N, C-alpha and C. Protein backbone atom coordinates (compact mmCIF):
# COMPACT_ATOMS: atom_id res chain seq x y z
N MET A 1 -35.85 -2.18 47.30
CA MET A 1 -36.07 -3.30 46.96
C MET A 1 -36.72 -3.37 45.48
N ALA A 2 -36.15 -4.97 44.98
CA ALA A 2 -36.29 -5.05 43.66
C ALA A 2 -37.97 -6.21 43.61
N LYS A 3 -38.51 -5.58 42.64
CA LYS A 3 -39.42 -6.91 42.78
C LYS A 3 -39.62 -8.39 42.28
N TYR A 4 -38.14 -8.22 41.27
CA TYR A 4 -37.96 -9.34 40.46
C TYR A 4 -36.36 -9.56 40.51
N SER A 5 -36.54 -10.97 40.62
CA SER A 5 -34.69 -11.30 40.90
C SER A 5 -33.85 -11.06 39.74
N ARG A 6 -32.41 -11.34 39.26
CA ARG A 6 -31.95 -10.80 38.13
C ARG A 6 -32.36 -12.03 37.41
N SER A 7 -32.29 -12.95 38.10
CA SER A 7 -32.01 -14.72 37.60
C SER A 7 -33.12 -15.12 36.79
N ALA A 8 -34.48 -14.25 37.67
CA ALA A 8 -35.53 -14.23 36.93
C ALA A 8 -35.82 -13.29 36.03
N GLY A 9 -35.52 -12.48 35.45
CA GLY A 9 -35.02 -11.74 34.19
C GLY A 9 -34.41 -12.45 33.44
N LYS A 10 -33.67 -13.45 33.88
CA LYS A 10 -32.76 -14.06 32.48
C LYS A 10 -33.82 -15.14 32.03
N ASP A 11 -34.68 -15.55 32.91
CA ASP A 11 -35.79 -17.00 32.38
C ASP A 11 -36.37 -16.04 31.61
N VAL A 12 -36.90 -14.45 31.89
CA VAL A 12 -37.79 -13.90 30.51
C VAL A 12 -37.22 -13.73 29.54
N GLU A 13 -35.66 -13.54 29.83
CA GLU A 13 -35.16 -13.34 28.47
C GLU A 13 -34.92 -14.31 27.61
N ARG A 14 -35.06 -15.56 27.75
CA ARG A 14 -34.54 -16.76 27.42
C ARG A 14 -35.60 -16.96 26.67
N ALA A 15 -37.08 -17.01 27.71
CA ALA A 15 -38.45 -17.45 26.85
C ALA A 15 -38.71 -16.03 25.64
N MET A 16 -38.51 -15.16 25.52
CA MET A 16 -38.65 -13.69 24.56
C MET A 16 -37.74 -14.33 23.55
N HIS A 17 -36.43 -14.83 23.76
CA HIS A 17 -35.62 -15.27 22.56
C HIS A 17 -36.10 -16.46 21.90
N LYS A 18 -36.25 -17.37 23.18
CA LYS A 18 -36.96 -18.54 22.16
C LYS A 18 -38.58 -18.27 21.03
N ARG A 19 -39.24 -17.68 21.71
CA ARG A 19 -40.53 -16.88 20.66
C ARG A 19 -40.00 -16.07 19.72
N LYS A 20 -38.53 -15.82 19.88
CA LYS A 20 -38.13 -14.87 18.51
C LYS A 20 -38.20 -15.81 17.33
N LYS A 21 -37.59 -16.99 18.07
CA LYS A 21 -36.58 -17.88 17.07
C LYS A 21 -37.77 -18.58 16.59
N GLY A 22 -38.80 -19.05 17.19
CA GLY A 22 -40.13 -19.90 16.62
C GLY A 22 -40.30 -21.04 17.56
N THR A 23 -39.29 -21.59 18.61
CA THR A 23 -39.40 -22.58 19.36
C THR A 23 -40.37 -23.02 20.67
N LEU A 24 -40.39 -21.38 21.02
CA LEU A 24 -41.30 -21.28 22.27
C LEU A 24 -42.88 -21.84 22.27
N LYS A 25 -43.12 -22.82 23.08
CA LYS A 25 -44.56 -23.73 22.93
C LYS A 25 -45.54 -22.99 24.49
N SER A 26 -46.78 -23.75 23.73
CA SER A 26 -47.17 -23.21 25.31
C SER A 26 -47.93 -24.66 25.80
N GLY A 27 -48.58 -25.17 27.26
CA GLY A 27 -48.71 -26.09 27.62
C GLY A 27 -47.08 -26.83 28.00
N LYS A 28 -47.93 -28.07 28.95
CA LYS A 28 -46.93 -28.58 29.62
C LYS A 28 -46.48 -29.68 28.79
N GLY A 29 -44.85 -29.67 29.25
CA GLY A 29 -43.76 -30.73 27.99
C GLY A 29 -43.79 -30.13 27.23
N GLY A 30 -44.42 -28.46 26.56
CA GLY A 30 -43.84 -28.08 25.04
C GLY A 30 -45.30 -28.74 23.70
N LYS A 31 -45.79 -29.02 24.76
CA LYS A 31 -46.49 -29.93 23.57
C LYS A 31 -47.82 -28.91 23.24
N GLY A 32 -47.93 -27.76 23.55
CA GLY A 32 -49.16 -27.08 22.73
C GLY A 32 -48.77 -26.38 21.76
N GLY A 33 -49.16 -25.32 21.30
CA GLY A 33 -48.88 -24.66 20.02
C GLY A 33 -47.80 -23.87 20.20
N LYS A 34 -47.20 -23.29 19.02
CA LYS A 34 -46.69 -22.01 18.94
C LYS A 34 -46.76 -20.45 19.12
N VAL A 35 -45.84 -20.24 20.66
CA VAL A 35 -45.88 -18.90 21.41
C VAL A 35 -45.86 -17.71 20.55
N LYS A 36 -46.80 -16.96 19.79
CA LYS A 36 -46.58 -15.86 18.96
C LYS A 36 -46.50 -14.59 19.86
N SER A 37 -47.20 -14.63 21.01
CA SER A 37 -48.12 -13.40 21.76
C SER A 37 -46.73 -12.96 22.45
N ARG A 38 -45.94 -11.51 22.72
CA ARG A 38 -44.70 -11.39 23.50
C ARG A 38 -45.79 -11.11 24.77
N LYS A 39 -46.79 -10.90 25.37
CA LYS A 39 -47.02 -11.30 26.69
C LYS A 39 -46.92 -12.42 27.42
N GLN A 40 -47.49 -13.46 26.42
CA GLN A 40 -47.68 -15.33 26.70
C GLN A 40 -46.07 -15.39 27.00
N ALA A 41 -45.41 -14.70 26.14
CA ALA A 41 -44.19 -15.57 26.60
C ALA A 41 -43.53 -15.00 27.57
N ILE A 42 -43.61 -13.26 27.88
CA ILE A 42 -43.37 -13.13 29.37
C ILE A 42 -44.10 -13.67 30.54
N ALA A 43 -45.35 -14.06 30.44
CA ALA A 43 -45.75 -15.24 31.10
C ALA A 43 -45.27 -16.48 31.71
N ILE A 44 -45.02 -16.87 30.92
CA ILE A 44 -44.34 -18.73 30.40
C ILE A 44 -42.89 -18.35 31.06
N GLY A 45 -42.24 -17.40 30.74
CA GLY A 45 -40.74 -16.83 31.48
C GLY A 45 -41.01 -16.82 33.05
N LEU A 46 -42.19 -15.94 33.39
CA LEU A 46 -42.10 -15.67 35.15
C LEU A 46 -42.35 -17.23 35.28
N SER A 47 -43.44 -17.67 35.26
CA SER A 47 -43.85 -19.11 35.39
C SER A 47 -43.05 -19.86 35.77
N GLU A 48 -41.73 -19.97 34.06
CA GLU A 48 -40.71 -20.76 34.83
C GLU A 48 -39.64 -20.77 36.20
N ALA A 49 -39.83 -19.33 36.30
CA ALA A 49 -38.64 -18.74 36.96
C ALA A 49 -39.52 -19.02 38.77
N ARG A 50 -40.71 -19.20 39.19
CA ARG A 50 -41.26 -19.22 39.61
C ARG A 50 -41.32 -21.01 40.67
N LYS A 51 -41.22 -21.89 39.20
CA LYS A 51 -40.99 -23.27 39.32
C LYS A 51 -39.86 -23.33 39.83
N LYS A 52 -38.66 -22.72 40.04
CA LYS A 52 -37.35 -22.72 40.39
C LYS A 52 -37.09 -22.29 41.60
N GLY A 53 -37.94 -21.22 41.64
CA GLY A 53 -38.04 -21.04 43.24
C GLY A 53 -37.54 -19.12 43.56
N LYS A 54 -37.26 -18.57 42.02
CA LYS A 54 -36.72 -17.20 42.37
C LYS A 54 -37.64 -16.39 42.46
N LYS A 55 -37.23 -15.05 42.76
CA LYS A 55 -37.97 -14.00 43.45
C LYS A 55 -38.95 -13.18 41.99
N VAL A 56 -40.33 -13.80 42.63
CA VAL A 56 -40.91 -13.49 41.50
C VAL A 56 -42.62 -12.99 42.21
N PRO A 57 -43.30 -12.28 42.16
CA PRO A 57 -44.25 -11.87 42.94
C PRO A 57 -45.52 -12.90 42.38
N LYS A 58 -46.21 -12.81 43.69
CA LYS A 58 -47.51 -13.82 42.74
C LYS A 58 -48.10 -13.58 41.82
N LYS A 59 -49.20 -14.45 41.77
CA LYS A 59 -50.01 -14.49 40.22
C LYS A 59 -50.75 -13.22 40.88
N SER A 60 -51.39 -12.53 39.94
CA SER A 60 -52.84 -11.87 39.93
C SER A 60 -54.20 -12.55 39.70
N SER A 61 -55.00 -12.75 40.97
CA SER A 61 -55.65 -13.48 40.50
C SER A 61 -57.12 -12.19 40.03
N LYS A 62 -57.49 -12.68 38.84
CA LYS A 62 -58.84 -12.29 38.57
C LYS A 62 -60.44 -12.22 39.48
N SER A 63 -60.00 -12.88 39.78
CA SER A 63 -61.26 -13.21 40.51
C SER A 63 -61.25 -12.23 42.08
N GLY A 64 -59.83 -12.15 42.51
CA GLY A 64 -59.71 -10.64 43.31
C GLY A 64 -60.24 -9.61 43.39
N LYS A 65 -60.47 -9.54 42.08
CA LYS A 65 -60.70 -7.57 41.81
C LYS A 65 -61.84 -7.23 42.04
N LYS A 66 -61.87 -5.90 42.33
CA LYS A 66 -63.36 -5.70 42.63
C LYS A 66 -64.15 -5.31 41.60
N ARG A 67 -65.17 -5.73 41.37
CA ARG A 67 -66.13 -5.32 40.52
C ARG A 67 -67.24 -4.20 41.34
N LYS A 68 -67.47 -3.47 40.06
CA LYS A 68 -68.57 -2.48 40.44
C LYS A 68 -70.00 -3.26 40.56
N SER A 69 -70.77 -2.99 41.37
CA SER A 69 -71.85 -3.43 41.62
C SER A 69 -72.95 -2.68 40.60
N SER A 70 -73.96 -3.15 40.25
CA SER A 70 -75.00 -2.67 38.47
C SER A 70 -76.31 -2.55 39.10
N LYS A 71 -76.28 -2.08 40.51
CA LYS A 71 -77.66 -2.51 41.19
C LYS A 71 -78.43 -0.88 40.81
N ARG A 72 -79.93 -1.22 39.93
CA ARG A 72 -80.63 -0.36 39.66
C ARG A 72 -81.46 0.06 40.89
N LYS A 73 -82.55 1.42 41.12
CA LYS A 73 -83.38 1.61 41.92
C LYS A 73 -84.26 1.26 40.59
N SER A 74 -85.33 0.59 41.63
CA SER A 74 -86.84 0.85 41.15
C SER A 74 -87.36 1.85 40.56
N THR A 75 -87.68 1.98 39.37
CA THR A 75 -88.27 3.16 38.92
C THR A 75 -89.91 3.42 38.66
N ARG A 76 -90.38 1.95 39.45
CA ARG A 76 -91.54 1.63 38.56
C ARG A 76 -92.72 2.56 39.23
N LYS A 77 -93.64 2.99 39.02
CA LYS A 77 -94.68 3.74 39.42
C LYS A 77 -96.08 3.04 40.18
N SER A 78 -95.67 2.92 41.03
CA SER A 78 -97.25 2.04 41.77
C SER A 78 -98.41 2.58 41.48
N LYS A 79 -99.13 1.98 41.04
CA LYS A 79 -100.64 1.75 40.96
C LYS A 79 -101.59 1.70 41.78
N LYS A 80 -102.78 2.83 42.09
CA LYS A 80 -103.38 3.02 43.19
C LYS A 80 -104.74 2.40 42.53
């Protein structure tokens, strides 16, 4: 079973094409600056596909990832 729909792929393809032409902008309503990053163009394409209700997995949240806890044992010597 596919994670992404074909039409979602078309949205990403359209965003990549706009990036190549230099017309892809970041931000609401295209008010932001020009997008030069390939990853950012893909993210914009997937975001547009989500807004249209196409089959795209949910965004992964950075806060949900497990972190390694760096607990250090106390190595102090007790004075007598």
